[in-house]
Amino acid sequence: MKENMGKQDRTARSVLGPSLIVLGYLCLEGRKGRPLGLMSMLAGATLIESAITRVCPLSAALGIDTRSAQEKIRDRKQLLY
């Protein structure tokens, strides 16, 4: 898929992802299968994955591209080489 995530978006996801994983772990409180904790950890892992790959499938489906104009130009130049 085509990159559609800008620097600020990646930074926010890089901070929120681990925070959600820690929050989910704390919500589990040693009990297995607690839905809120598991969902929080899954959401955190998804945010981290999208920050690393710079691709958000939901944003792509909605036609959202948070890259700056400079990032878009840089990506076009890379495609030419």
C-alpha atoms as a PDB file:
ATOM      1  CA  MET A   1       0.000   0.000   0.000  1.00  0.00           C
ATOM      2  CA  LYS A   2       0.983   3.609  -0.503  1.00  0.00           C
ATOM      3  CA  GLU A   3       2.290   5.588   2.466  1.00  0.00           C
ATOM      4  CA  ASN A   4      -0.343   7.979   3.789  1.00  0.00           C
ATOM      5  CA  MET A   5       0.930   9.029   7.197  1.00  0.00           C
ATOM      6  CA  GLY A   6       2.817  12.209   8.026  1.00  0.00           C
ATOM      7  CA  LYS A   7       5.456  12.811  10.680  1.00  0.00           C
ATOM      8  CA  GLN A   8       3.087  14.236  13.298  1.00  0.00           C
ATOM      9  CA  ASP A   9       0.650  11.368  12.829  1.00  0.00           C
ATOM     10  CA  ARG A  10       3.449   8.803  13.194  1.00  0.00           C
ATOM     11  CA  THR A  11       4.744  10.524  16.329  1.00  0.00           C
ATOM     12  CA  ALA A  12       1.294  10.553  17.924  1.00  0.00           C
ATOM     13  CA  ARG A  13       0.782   6.870  17.140  1.00  0.00           C
ATOM     14  CA  SER A  14       4.268   6.053  18.460  1.00  0.00           C
ATOM     15  CA  VAL A  15       3.306   7.589  21.803  1.00  0.00           C
ATOM     16  CA  LEU A  16      -0.306   6.399  22.033  1.00  0.00           C
ATOM     17  CA  GLY A  17       0.409   2.814  20.953  1.00  0.00           C
ATOM     18  CA  PRO A  18       2.727   1.850  23.820  1.00  0.00           C
ATOM     19  CA  SER A  19       0.517   3.808  26.240  1.00  0.00           C
ATOM     20  CA  LEU A  20      -2.506   1.736  25.237  1.00  0.00           C
ATOM     21  CA  ILE A  21      -0.529  -1.471  25.598  1.00  0.00           C
ATOM     22  CA  VAL A  22       0.526  -0.526  29.136  1.00  0.00           C
ATOM     23  CA  LEU A  23      -3.020   0.574  29.982  1.00  0.00           C
ATOM     24  CA  GLY A  24      -4.368  -2.720  28.667  1.00  0.00           C
ATOM     25  CA  TYR A  25      -1.847  -4.682  30.696  1.00  0.00           C
ATOM     26  CA  LEU A  26      -2.841  -2.785  33.834  1.00  0.00           C
ATOM     27  CA  CYS A  27      -6.545  -3.378  33.109  1.00  0.00           C
ATOM     28  CA  LEU A  28      -5.946  -7.129  32.974  1.00  0.00           C
ATOM     29  CA  GLU A  29      -4.737  -7.108  36.601  1.00  0.00           C
ATOM     30  CA  GLY A  30      -3.476 -10.662  36.298  1.00  0.00           C
ATOM     31  CA  ARG A  31      -6.818 -11.967  35.018  1.00  0.00           C
ATOM     32  CA  LYS A  32      -6.865 -13.617  31.636  1.00  0.00           C
ATOM     33  CA  GLY A  33      -9.448 -12.748  29.024  1.00  0.00           C
ATOM     34  CA  ARG A  34     -10.526  -9.361  30.325  1.00  0.00           C
ATOM     35  CA  PRO A  35     -12.038  -7.756  27.176  1.00  0.00           C
ATOM     36  CA  LEU A  36     -11.193  -4.096  27.881  1.00  0.00           C
ATOM     37  CA  GLY A  37      -7.530  -4.844  28.542  1.00  0.00           C
ATOM     38  CA  LEU A  38      -7.220  -7.111  25.521  1.00  0.00           C
ATOM     39  CA  MET A  39      -8.885  -4.574  23.210  1.00  0.00           C
ATOM     40  CA  SER A  40      -6.634  -1.809  24.508  1.00  0.00           C
ATOM     41  CA  MET A  41      -3.516  -3.896  23.879  1.00  0.00           C
ATOM     42  CA  LEU A  42      -4.714  -4.815  20.385  1.00  0.00           C
ATOM     43  CA  ALA A  43      -5.439  -1.171  19.548  1.00  0.00           C
ATOM     44  CA  GLY A  44      -1.986  -0.155  20.831  1.00  0.00           C
ATOM     45  CA  ALA A  45      -0.268  -2.818  18.741  1.00  0.00           C
ATOM     46  CA  THR A  46      -2.207  -1.680  15.673  1.00  0.00           C
ATOM     47  CA  LEU A  47      -1.128   1.937  16.216  1.00  0.00           C
ATOM     48  CA  ILE A  48       2.513   0.908  16.578  1.00  0.00           C
ATOM     49  CA  GLU A  49       2.338  -1.207  13.409  1.00  0.00           C
ATOM     50  CA  SER A  50       0.864   1.655  11.391  1.00  0.00           C
ATOM     51  CA  ALA A  51       3.486   4.085  12.736  1.00  0.00           C
ATOM     52  CA  ILE A  52       6.283   1.734  11.673  1.00  0.00           C
ATOM     53  CA  THR A  53       4.913   0.986   8.196  1.00  0.00           C
ATOM     54  CA  ARG A  54       3.636   4.561   7.636  1.00  0.00           C
ATOM     55  CA  VAL A  55       0.417   3.113   6.233  1.00  0.00           C
ATOM     56  CA  CYS A  56      -3.023   3.296   7.811  1.00  0.00           C
ATOM     57  CA  PRO A  57      -5.602   1.155   5.982  1.00  0.00           C
ATOM     58  CA  LEU A  58      -8.512   3.056   7.545  1.00  0.00           C
ATOM     59  CA  SER A  59      -7.122   6.406   6.396  1.00  0.00           C
ATOM     60  CA  ALA A  60      -6.500   4.944   2.947  1.00  0.00           C
ATOM     61  CA  ALA A  61     -10.103   3.726   2.741  1.00  0.00           C
ATOM     62  CA  LEU A  62     -11.338   7.182   3.744  1.00  0.00           C
ATOM     63  CA  GLY A  63      -8.927   8.960   1.376  1.00  0.00           C
ATOM     64  CA  ILE A  64      -7.018  10.680   4.183  1.00  0.00           C
ATOM     65  CA  ASP A  65      -3.341  11.519   3.628  1.00  0.00           C
ATOM     66  CA  THR A  66      -1.605  13.333   6.506  1.00  0.00           C
ATOM     67  CA  ARG A  67       1.776  13.721   4.806  1.00  0.00           C
ATOM     68  CA  SER A  68       3.068  17.252   4.297  1.00  0.00           C
ATOM     69  CA  ALA A  69       3.636  18.631   0.820  1.00  0.00           C
ATOM     70  CA  GLN A  70       7.398  18.143   1.251  1.00  0.00           C
ATOM     71  CA  GLU A  71       6.931  14.471   2.158  1.00  0.00           C
ATOM     72  CA  LYS A  72       4.729  13.924  -0.884  1.00  0.00           C
ATOM     73  CA  ILE A  73       7.316  15.543  -3.187  1.00  0.00           C
ATOM     74  CA  ARG A  74      10.111  13.443  -1.626  1.00  0.00           C
ATOM     75  CA  ASP A  75       8.107  10.270  -2.190  1.00  0.00           C
ATOM     76  CA  ARG A  76       7.467  11.174  -5.832  1.00  0.00           C
ATOM     77  CA  LYS A  77      11.185  11.765  -6.389  1.00  0.00           C
ATOM     78  CA  GLN A  78      12.006   8.381  -4.855  1.00  0.00           C
ATOM     79  CA  LEU A  79       9.600   6.702  -7.263  1.00  0.00           C
ATOM     80  CA  LEU A  80      11.411   8.246 -10.225  1.00  0.00           C
ATOM     81  CA  TYR A  81      14.778   6.774  -9.243  1.00  0.00           C
END
